[in-house]
PDB file of N, CA and C in Angstrom:
ATOM      1  N   MET A   1     -44.929   3.448 -31.033  1.00  0.00           N
ATOM      2  CA  MET A   1     -44.264   4.225 -30.005  1.00  0.00           C
ATOM      3  C   MET A   1     -43.733   3.317 -28.885  1.00  0.00           C
ATOM      4  N   ARG A   2     -44.494   2.291 -28.543  1.00  0.00           N
ATOM      5  CA  ARG A   2     -44.089   1.375 -27.474  1.00  0.00           C
ATOM      6  C   ARG A   2     -42.819   0.617 -27.867  1.00  0.00           C
ATOM      7  N   THR A   3     -42.696   0.236 -29.138  1.00  0.00           N
ATOM      8  CA  THR A   3     -41.512  -0.462 -29.624  1.00  0.00           C
ATOM      9  C   THR A   3     -40.276   0.428 -29.509  1.00  0.00           C
ATOM     10  N   PHE A   4     -40.440   1.708 -29.770  1.00  0.00           N
ATOM     11  CA  PHE A   4     -39.333   2.656 -29.649  1.00  0.00           C
ATOM     12  C   PHE A   4     -38.841   2.728 -28.208  1.00  0.00           C
ATOM     13  N   HIS A   5     -39.726   2.744 -27.246  1.00  0.00           N
ATOM     14  CA  HIS A   5     -39.355   2.796 -25.825  1.00  0.00           C
ATOM     15  C   HIS A   5     -38.624   1.528 -25.395  1.00  0.00           C
ATOM     16  N   ILE A   6     -39.090   0.387 -25.869  1.00  0.00           N
ATOM     17  CA  ILE A   6     -38.433  -0.874 -25.535  1.00  0.00           C
ATOM     18  C   ILE A   6     -37.031  -0.909 -26.133  1.00  0.00           C
ATOM     19  N   LEU A   7     -36.895  -0.470 -27.387  1.00  0.00           N
ATOM     20  CA  LEU A   7     -35.584  -0.423 -28.044  1.00  0.00           C
ATOM     21  C   LEU A   7     -34.647   0.532 -27.301  1.00  0.00           C
ATOM     22  N   LEU A   8     -35.131   1.680 -26.904  1.00  0.00           N
ATOM     23  CA  LEU A   8     -34.329   2.644 -26.156  1.00  0.00           C
ATOM     24  C   LEU A   8     -33.902   2.078 -24.802  1.00  0.00           C
ATOM     25  N   LEU A   9     -34.796   1.369 -24.140  1.00  0.00           N
ATOM     26  CA  LEU A   9     -34.471   0.751 -22.855  1.00  0.00           C
ATOM     27  C   LEU A   9     -33.412  -0.341 -23.024  1.00  0.00           C
ATOM     28  N   CYS A  10     -33.502  -1.126 -24.088  1.00  0.00           N
ATOM     29  CA  CYS A  10     -32.495  -2.165 -24.346  1.00  0.00           C
ATOM     30  C   CYS A  10     -31.131  -1.546 -24.628  1.00  0.00           C
ATOM     31  N   MET A  11     -31.118  -0.454 -25.388  1.00  0.00           N
ATOM     32  CA  MET A  11     -29.846   0.224 -25.682  1.00  0.00           C
ATOM     33  C   MET A  11     -29.229   0.798 -24.411  1.00  0.00           C
ATOM     34  N   LEU A  12     -30.046   1.353 -23.558  1.00  0.00           N
ATOM     35  CA  LEU A  12     -29.556   1.887 -22.293  1.00  0.00           C
ATOM     36  C   LEU A  12     -29.006   0.761 -21.415  1.00  0.00           C
ATOM     37  N   GLY A  13     -29.689  -0.357 -21.360  1.00  0.00           N
ATOM     38  CA  GLY A  13     -29.216  -1.507 -20.590  1.00  0.00           C
ATOM     39  C   GLY A  13     -27.892  -2.035 -21.122  1.00  0.00           C
ATOM     40  N   ALA A  14     -27.741  -2.131 -22.445  1.00  0.00           N
ATOM     41  CA  ALA A  14     -26.495  -2.607 -23.043  1.00  0.00           C
ATOM     42  C   ALA A  14     -25.348  -1.648 -22.733  1.00  0.00           C
ATOM     43  N   THR A  15     -25.613  -0.366 -22.740  1.00  0.00           N
ATOM     44  CA  THR A  15     -24.589   0.626 -22.413  1.00  0.00           C
ATOM     45  C   THR A  15     -24.133   0.481 -20.966  1.00  0.00           C
ATOM     46  N   LEU A  16     -25.060   0.312 -20.063  1.00  0.00           N
ATOM     47  CA  LEU A  16     -24.703   0.153 -18.650  1.00  0.00           C
ATOM     48  C   LEU A  16     -23.910  -1.130 -18.409  1.00  0.00           C
ATOM     49  N   VAL A  17     -24.284  -2.218 -19.061  1.00  0.00           N
ATOM     50  CA  VAL A  17     -23.557  -3.474 -18.908  1.00  0.00           C
ATOM     51  C   VAL A  17     -22.134  -3.340 -19.430  1.00  0.00           C
ATOM     52  N   SER A  18     -21.954  -2.670 -20.561  1.00  0.00           N
ATOM     53  CA  SER A  18     -20.603  -2.506 -21.118  1.00  0.00           C
ATOM     54  C   SER A  18     -19.749  -1.612 -20.230  1.00  0.00           C
ATOM     55  N   LEU A  19     -20.320  -0.602 -19.614  1.00  0.00           N
ATOM     56  CA  LEU A  19     -19.565   0.256 -18.699  1.00  0.00           C
ATOM     57  C   LEU A  19     -19.100  -0.522 -17.477  1.00  0.00           C
ATOM     58  N   VAL A  20     -19.941  -1.361 -16.934  1.00  0.00           N
ATOM     59  CA  VAL A  20     -19.570  -2.164 -15.773  1.00  0.00           C
ATOM     60  C   VAL A  20     -18.491  -3.165 -16.149  1.00  0.00           C
ATOM     61  N   ALA A  21     -18.602  -3.776 -17.322  1.00  0.00           N
ATOM     62  CA  ALA A  21     -17.601  -4.756 -17.762  1.00  0.00           C
ATOM     63  C   ALA A  21     -16.247  -4.089 -17.979  1.00  0.00           C
ATOM     64  N   CYS A  22     -16.214  -2.877 -18.482  1.00  0.00           N
ATOM     65  CA  CYS A  22     -14.949  -2.168 -18.700  1.00  0.00           C
ATOM     66  C   CYS A  22     -14.276  -1.811 -17.380  1.00  0.00           C
ATOM     67  N   ASN A  23     -15.034  -1.424 -16.387  1.00  0.00           N
ATOM     68  CA  ASN A  23     -14.460  -1.064 -15.091  1.00  0.00           C
ATOM     69  C   ASN A  23     -13.950  -2.286 -14.341  1.00  0.00           C
ATOM     70  N   ALA A  24     -14.479  -3.456 -14.616  1.00  0.00           N
ATOM     71  CA  ALA A  24     -14.039  -4.668 -13.927  1.00  0.00           C
ATOM     72  C   ALA A  24     -12.730  -5.188 -14.496  1.00  0.00           C
ATOM     73  N   ALA A  25     -12.324  -4.742 -15.657  1.00  0.00           N
ATOM     74  CA  ALA A  25     -11.110  -5.239 -16.308  1.00  0.00           C
ATOM     75  C   ALA A  25      -9.907  -4.399 -15.892  1.00  0.00           C
ATOM     76  N   ILE A  26      -9.612  -4.405 -14.617  1.00  0.00           N
ATOM     77  CA  ILE A  26      -8.487  -3.634 -14.094  1.00  0.00           C
ATOM     78  C   ILE A  26      -7.250  -4.511 -14.149  1.00  0.00           C
ATOM     79  N   GLY A  27      -6.156  -3.939 -14.612  1.00  0.00           N
ATOM     80  CA  GLY A  27      -4.907  -4.687 -14.732  1.00  0.00           C
ATOM     81  C   GLY A  27      -4.136  -4.749 -13.432  1.00  0.00           C
ATOM     82  N   PRO A  28      -2.920  -5.278 -13.486  1.00  0.00           N
ATOM     83  CA  PRO A  28      -2.100  -5.408 -12.283  1.00  0.00           C
ATOM     84  C   PRO A  28      -1.655  -4.044 -11.746  1.00  0.00           C
ATOM     85  N   ASP A  29      -1.402  -4.001 -10.442  1.00  0.00           N
ATOM     86  CA  ASP A  29      -1.007  -2.750  -9.794  1.00  0.00           C
ATOM     87  C   ASP A  29       0.472  -2.425  -9.968  1.00  0.00           C
ATOM     88  N   ASN A  30       1.329  -3.414  -9.833  1.00  0.00           N
ATOM     89  CA  ASN A  30       2.769  -3.174  -9.854  1.00  0.00           C
ATOM     90  C   ASN A  30       3.427  -3.962 -10.975  1.00  0.00           C
ATOM     91  N   CYS A  31       3.968  -3.242 -11.937  1.00  0.00           N
ATOM     92  CA  CYS A  31       4.724  -3.852 -13.029  1.00  0.00           C
ATOM     93  C   CYS A  31       6.076  -3.153 -13.133  1.00  0.00           C
ATOM     94  N   CYS A  32       7.059  -3.871 -13.624  1.00  0.00           N
ATOM     95  CA  CYS A  32       8.381  -3.299 -13.880  1.00  0.00           C
ATOM     96  C   CYS A  32       8.542  -3.107 -15.386  1.00  0.00           C
ATOM     97  N   PHE A  33       8.779  -1.892 -15.809  1.00  0.00           N
ATOM     98  CA  PHE A  33       9.002  -1.619 -17.225  1.00  0.00           C
ATOM     99  C   PHE A  33      10.482  -1.421 -17.523  1.00  0.00           C
ATOM    100  N   THR A  34      11.224  -1.005 -16.517  1.00  0.00           N
ATOM    101  CA  THR A  34      12.682  -0.939 -16.622  1.00  0.00           C
ATOM    102  C   THR A  34      13.257  -1.496 -15.332  1.00  0.00           C
ATOM    103  N   PHE A  35      14.451  -2.052 -15.428  1.00  0.00           N
ATOM    104  CA  PHE A  35      15.090  -2.651 -14.259  1.00  0.00           C
ATOM    105  C   PHE A  35      16.262  -1.800 -13.796  1.00  0.00           C
ATOM    106  N   TYR A  36      16.458  -1.783 -12.492  1.00  0.00           N
ATOM    107  CA  TYR A  36      17.629  -1.145 -11.900  1.00  0.00           C
ATOM    108  C   TYR A  36      18.841  -1.978 -12.299  1.00  0.00           C
ATOM    109  N   GLN A  37      19.854  -1.346 -12.862  1.00  0.00           N
ATOM    110  CA  GLN A  37      20.969  -2.080 -13.457  1.00  0.00           C
ATOM    111  C   GLN A  37      22.059  -2.478 -12.464  1.00  0.00           C
ATOM    112  N   ASP A  38      22.315  -1.661 -11.455  1.00  0.00           N
ATOM    113  CA  ASP A  38      23.412  -1.926 -10.529  1.00  0.00           C
ATOM    114  C   ASP A  38      22.977  -2.887  -9.425  1.00  0.00           C
ATOM    115  N   ALA A  39      23.944  -3.601  -8.885  1.00  0.00           N
ATOM    116  CA  ALA A  39      23.665  -4.475  -7.745  1.00  0.00           C
ATOM    117  C   ALA A  39      23.376  -3.613  -6.514  1.00  0.00           C
ATOM    118  N   VAL A  40      22.429  -4.033  -5.715  1.00  0.00           N
ATOM    119  CA  VAL A  40      22.086  -3.289  -4.503  1.00  0.00           C
ATOM    120  C   VAL A  40      22.565  -4.082  -3.286  1.00  0.00           C
ATOM    121  N   LYS A  41      22.688  -3.390  -2.169  1.00  0.00           N
ATOM    122  CA  LYS A  41      23.160  -4.033  -0.944  1.00  0.00           C
ATOM    123  C   LYS A  41      22.115  -5.022  -0.435  1.00  0.00           C
ATOM    124  N   ARG A  42      22.588  -6.045   0.252  1.00  0.00           N
ATOM    125  CA  ARG A  42      21.692  -7.073   0.777  1.00  0.00           C
ATOM    126  C   ARG A  42      20.956  -6.627   2.036  1.00  0.00           C
ATOM    127  N   LYS A  43      21.553  -5.784   2.822  1.00  0.00           N
ATOM    128  CA  LYS A  43      21.048  -5.523   4.156  1.00  0.00           C
ATOM    129  C   LYS A  43      19.728  -4.745   4.225  1.00  0.00           C
ATOM    130  N   PRO A  44      19.545  -3.672   3.465  1.00  0.00           N
ATOM    131  CA  PRO A  44      18.399  -2.815   3.779  1.00  0.00           C
ATOM    132  C   PRO A  44      17.034  -3.268   3.258  1.00  0.00           C
ATOM    133  N   HIS A  45      16.858  -4.506   2.878  1.00  0.00           N
ATOM    134  CA  HIS A  45      15.595  -4.917   2.275  1.00  0.00           C
ATOM    135  C   HIS A  45      14.657  -5.552   3.303  1.00  0.00           C
ATOM    136  N   GLN A  46      13.454  -5.013   3.372  1.00  0.00           N
ATOM    137  CA  GLN A  46      12.438  -5.560   4.260  1.00  0.00           C
ATOM    138  C   GLN A  46      11.730  -6.743   3.602  1.00  0.00           C
ATOM    139  N   SER A  47      11.365  -6.564   2.342  1.00  0.00           N
ATOM    140  CA  SER A  47      10.593  -7.593   1.662  1.00  0.00           C
ATOM    141  C   SER A  47      10.763  -7.442   0.156  1.00  0.00           C
ATOM    142  N   TYR A  48      10.121  -8.329  -0.565  1.00  0.00           N
ATOM    143  CA  TYR A  48      10.095  -8.231  -2.027  1.00  0.00           C
ATOM    144  C   TYR A  48       8.767  -8.768  -2.536  1.00  0.00           C
ATOM    145  N   ASP A  49       8.404  -8.345  -3.729  1.00  0.00           N
ATOM    146  CA  ASP A  49       7.201  -8.827  -4.407  1.00  0.00           C
ATOM    147  C   ASP A  49       7.591  -9.236  -5.819  1.00  0.00           C
ATOM    148  N   VAL A  50       7.023 -10.315  -6.293  1.00  0.00           N
ATOM    149  CA  VAL A  50       7.195 -10.717  -7.684  1.00  0.00           C
ATOM    150  C   VAL A  50       6.045 -10.093  -8.457  1.00  0.00           C
ATOM    151  N   THR A  51       6.348  -9.533  -9.628  1.00  0.00           N
ATOM    152  CA  THR A  51       5.305  -8.867 -10.404  1.00  0.00           C
ATOM    153  C   THR A  51       4.259  -9.859 -10.895  1.00  0.00           C
ATOM    154  N   ASP A  52       3.105  -9.358 -11.205  1.00  0.00           N
ATOM    155  CA  ASP A  52       1.978 -10.157 -11.670  1.00  0.00           C
ATOM    156  C   ASP A  52       2.283 -10.788 -13.032  1.00  0.00           C
ATOM    157  N   PHE A  53       1.686 -11.937 -13.302  1.00  0.00           N
ATOM    158  CA  PHE A  53       1.932 -12.626 -14.564  1.00  0.00           C
ATOM    159  C   PHE A  53       1.389 -11.847 -15.761  1.00  0.00           C
ATOM    160  N   ARG A  54       0.500 -10.889 -15.533  1.00  0.00           N
ATOM    161  CA  ARG A  54      -0.055 -10.092 -16.623  1.00  0.00           C
ATOM    162  C   ARG A  54       0.851  -8.932 -17.037  1.00  0.00           C
ATOM    163  N   CYS A  55       1.923  -8.698 -16.297  1.00  0.00           N
ATOM    164  CA  CYS A  55       2.871  -7.631 -16.629  1.00  0.00           C
ATOM    165  C   CYS A  55       3.688  -8.031 -17.865  1.00  0.00           C
ATOM    166  N   PRO A  56       4.132  -7.058 -18.650  1.00  0.00           N
ATOM    167  CA  PRO A  56       4.913  -7.388 -19.842  1.00  0.00           C
ATOM    168  C   PRO A  56       6.267  -8.013 -19.544  1.00  0.00           C
ATOM    169  N   LYS A  57       6.880  -7.662 -18.413  1.00  0.00           N
ATOM    170  CA  LYS A  57       8.164  -8.232 -18.001  1.00  0.00           C
ATOM    171  C   LYS A  57       8.023  -8.817 -16.609  1.00  0.00           C
ATOM    172  N   THR A  58       8.596 -10.002 -16.418  1.00  0.00           N
ATOM    173  CA  THR A  58       8.631 -10.574 -15.072  1.00  0.00           C
ATOM    174  C   THR A  58       9.714  -9.846 -14.284  1.00  0.00           C
ATOM    175  N   GLY A  59       9.388  -9.401 -13.109  1.00  0.00           N
ATOM    176  CA  GLY A  59      10.351  -8.666 -12.302  1.00  0.00           C
ATOM    177  C   GLY A  59      10.146  -8.910 -10.823  1.00  0.00           C
ATOM    178  N   VAL A  60      11.112  -8.447 -10.048  1.00  0.00           N
ATOM    179  CA  VAL A  60      11.038  -8.502  -8.592  1.00  0.00           C
ATOM    180  C   VAL A  60      11.134  -7.069  -8.088  1.00  0.00           C
ATOM    181  N   ILE A  61      10.278  -6.726  -7.151  1.00  0.00           N
ATOM    182  CA  ILE A  61      10.289  -5.383  -6.567  1.00  0.00           C
ATOM    183  C   ILE A  61      10.768  -5.509  -5.127  1.00  0.00           C
ATOM    184  N   PHE A  62      11.975  -4.993  -4.866  1.00  0.00           N
ATOM    185  CA  PHE A  62      12.504  -4.979  -3.506  1.00  0.00           C
ATOM    186  C   PHE A  62      11.957  -3.761  -2.778  1.00  0.00           C
ATOM    187  N   VAL A  63      11.568  -3.959  -1.520  1.00  0.00           N
ATOM    188  CA  VAL A  63      11.110  -2.859  -0.673  1.00  0.00           C
ATOM    189  C   VAL A  63      12.178  -2.657   0.391  1.00  0.00           C
ATOM    190  N   THR A  64      12.750  -1.462   0.453  1.00  0.00           N
ATOM    191  CA  THR A  64      13.839  -1.177   1.387  1.00  0.00           C
ATOM    192  C   THR A  64      13.275  -0.759   2.753  1.00  0.00           C
ATOM    193  N   GLN A  65      14.167  -0.564   3.708  1.00  0.00           N
ATOM    194  CA  GLN A  65      13.778  -0.130   5.053  1.00  0.00           C
ATOM    195  C   GLN A  65      13.063   1.220   5.008  1.00  0.00           C
ATOM    196  N   LYS A  66      13.428   2.054   4.047  1.00  0.00           N
ATOM    197  CA  LYS A  66      12.820   3.387   3.920  1.00  0.00           C
ATOM    198  C   LYS A  66      11.623   3.375   2.976  1.00  0.00           C
ATOM    199  N   SER A  67      11.072   2.187   2.712  1.00  0.00           N
ATOM    200  CA  SER A  67       9.899   1.990   1.850  1.00  0.00           C
ATOM    201  C   SER A  67      10.136   2.389   0.401  1.00  0.00           C
ATOM    202  N   ARG A  68      11.373   2.365  -0.029  1.00  0.00           N
ATOM    203  CA  ARG A  68      11.687   2.580  -1.439  1.00  0.00           C
ATOM    204  C   ARG A  68      11.452   1.294  -2.197  1.00  0.00           C
ATOM    205  N   ARG A  69      10.940   1.388  -3.419  1.00  0.00           N
ATOM    206  CA  ARG A  69      10.666   0.221  -4.237  1.00  0.00           C
ATOM    207  C   ARG A  69      11.619   0.215  -5.423  1.00  0.00           C
ATOM    208  N   ILE A  70      12.319  -0.919  -5.602  1.00  0.00           N
ATOM    209  CA  ILE A  70      13.328  -1.031  -6.655  1.00  0.00           C
ATOM    210  C   ILE A  70      12.988  -2.243  -7.524  1.00  0.00           C
ATOM    211  N   CYS A  71      12.784  -2.027  -8.820  1.00  0.00           N
ATOM    212  CA  CYS A  71      12.509  -3.114  -9.759  1.00  0.00           C
ATOM    213  C   CYS A  71      13.824  -3.700 -10.260  1.00  0.00           C
ATOM    214  N   VAL A  72      13.944  -5.028 -10.172  1.00  0.00           N
ATOM    215  CA  VAL A  72      15.157  -5.703 -10.621  1.00  0.00           C
ATOM    216  C   VAL A  72      14.778  -6.958 -11.413  1.00  0.00           C
ATOM    217  N   ASP A  73      15.750  -7.437 -12.183  1.00  0.00           N
ATOM    218  CA  ASP A  73      15.573  -8.624 -13.011  1.00  0.00           C
ATOM    219  C   ASP A  73      15.740  -9.883 -12.152  1.00  0.00           C
ATOM    220  N   PRO A  74      14.729 -10.749 -12.082  1.00  0.00           N
ATOM    221  CA  PRO A  74      14.812 -11.922 -11.201  1.00  0.00           C
ATOM    222  C   PRO A  74      15.790 -12.998 -11.677  1.00  0.00           C
ATOM    223  N   SER A  75      16.269 -12.909 -12.897  1.00  0.00           N
ATOM    224  CA  SER A  75      17.182 -13.941 -13.396  1.00  0.00           C
ATOM    225  C   SER A  75      18.629 -13.716 -12.948  1.00  0.00           C
ATOM    226  N   LEU A  76      18.935 -12.548 -12.383  1.00  0.00           N
ATOM    227  CA  LEU A  76      20.300 -12.265 -11.940  1.00  0.00           C
ATOM    228  C   LEU A  76      20.609 -12.981 -10.630  1.00  0.00           C
ATOM    229  N   SER A  77      21.840 -13.451 -10.494  1.00  0.00           N
ATOM    230  CA  SER A  77      22.204 -14.247  -9.311  1.00  0.00           C
ATOM    231  C   SER A  77      22.151 -13.418  -8.025  1.00  0.00           C
ATOM    232  N   TRP A  78      22.573 -12.146  -8.069  1.00  0.00           N
ATOM    233  CA  TRP A  78      22.548 -11.339  -6.849  1.00  0.00           C
ATOM    234  C   TRP A  78      21.119 -11.055  -6.402  1.00  0.00           C
ATOM    235  N   VAL A  79      20.174 -10.986  -7.342  1.00  0.00           N
ATOM    236  CA  VAL A  79      18.768 -10.790  -6.985  1.00  0.00           C
ATOM    237  C   VAL A  79      18.241 -12.037  -6.269  1.00  0.00           C
ATOM    238  N   GLN A  80      18.574 -13.212  -6.797  1.00  0.00           N
ATOM    239  CA  GLN A  80      18.148 -14.455  -6.169  1.00  0.00           C
ATOM    240  C   GLN A  80      18.763 -14.620  -4.775  1.00  0.00           C
ATOM    241  N   GLY A  81      20.005 -14.143  -4.610  1.00  0.00           N
ATOM    242  CA  GLY A  81      20.652 -14.194  -3.298  1.00  0.00           C
ATOM    243  C   GLY A  81      19.947 -13.315  -2.281  1.00  0.00           C
ATOM    244  N   ILE A  82      19.553 -12.118  -2.697  1.00  0.00           N
ATOM    245  CA  ILE A  82      18.835 -11.224  -1.782  1.00  0.00           C
ATOM    246  C   ILE A  82      17.466 -11.805  -1.447  1.00  0.00           C
ATOM    247  N   MET A  83      16.794 -12.369  -2.435  1.00  0.00           N
ATOM    248  CA  MET A  83      15.487 -12.989  -2.188  1.00  0.00           C
ATOM    249  C   MET A  83      15.617 -14.122  -1.167  1.00  0.00           C
ATOM    250  N   LYS A  84      16.650 -14.915  -1.297  1.00  0.00           N
ATOM    251  CA  LYS A  84      16.899 -16.026  -0.364  1.00  0.00           C
ATOM    252  C   LYS A  84      17.173 -15.480   1.031  1.00  0.00           C
ATOM    253  N   THR A  85      17.977 -14.413   1.125  1.00  0.00           N
ATOM    254  CA  THR A  85      18.288 -13.818   2.422  1.00  0.00           C
ATOM    255  C   THR A  85      17.031 -13.265   3.082  1.00  0.00           C
ATOM    256  N   VAL A  86      16.192 -12.581   2.320  1.00  0.00           N
ATOM    257  CA  VAL A  86      14.949 -12.014   2.863  1.00  0.00           C
ATOM    258  C   VAL A  86      14.037 -13.142   3.335  1.00  0.00           C
ATOM    259  N   ASP A  87      13.943 -14.214   2.537  1.00  0.00           N
ATOM    260  CA  ASP A  87      13.097 -15.349   2.929  1.00  0.00           C
ATOM    261  C   ASP A  87      13.590 -16.002   4.219  1.00  0.00           C
ATOM    262  N   GLU A  88      14.907 -16.155   4.347  1.00  0.00           N
ATOM    263  CA  GLU A  88      15.468 -16.769   5.555  1.00  0.00           C
ATOM    264  C   GLU A  88      15.261 -15.890   6.787  1.00  0.00           C
ATOM    265  N   ASN A  89      15.335 -14.564   6.598  1.00  0.00           N
ATOM    266  CA  ASN A  89      15.168 -13.650   7.739  1.00  0.00           C
ATOM    267  C   ASN A  89      13.717 -13.458   8.148  1.00  0.00           C
ATOM    268  N   SER A  90      12.770 -13.808   7.256  1.00  0.00           N
ATOM    269  CA  SER A  90      11.366 -13.616   7.613  1.00  0.00           C
ATOM    270  C   SER A  90      10.813 -14.703   8.516  1.00  0.00           C
ATOM    271  N   PHE A  91      11.506 -15.816   8.607  1.00  0.00           N
ATOM    272  CA  PHE A  91      10.984 -16.922   9.437  1.00  0.00           C
ATOM    273  C   PHE A  91      11.667 -17.001  10.744  1.00  0.00           C
TER     274      PHE A  91
END
C-alpha cells in the first residue's frame, strides 16, 4: 500500500511540473501574418516595433498618432524611410 502512495505522489508531482513547464512556454505577443500592401504617409507615425524573431514572418509594426497598429514588410524602401524618419525625430 505504501508503494502505491509513493507512485501516486510521483505521478502527481510529474503532472504539476509539466503544467508549469507548458505555461512558461509563452510565444511572442506581436506577430505580423499579413502585411499592409499600400504605402502609408510618413507623418502620423509615433513609433514602430520590429516583430520578434520567433514570429513566422519578420515585420515592422507602425504605431500611428491614433494608436493604430499597421504591419508592414521591412524590406520595402518606403518602410525603411519611415523607420529612419521616426528614428531621427525621436532624438
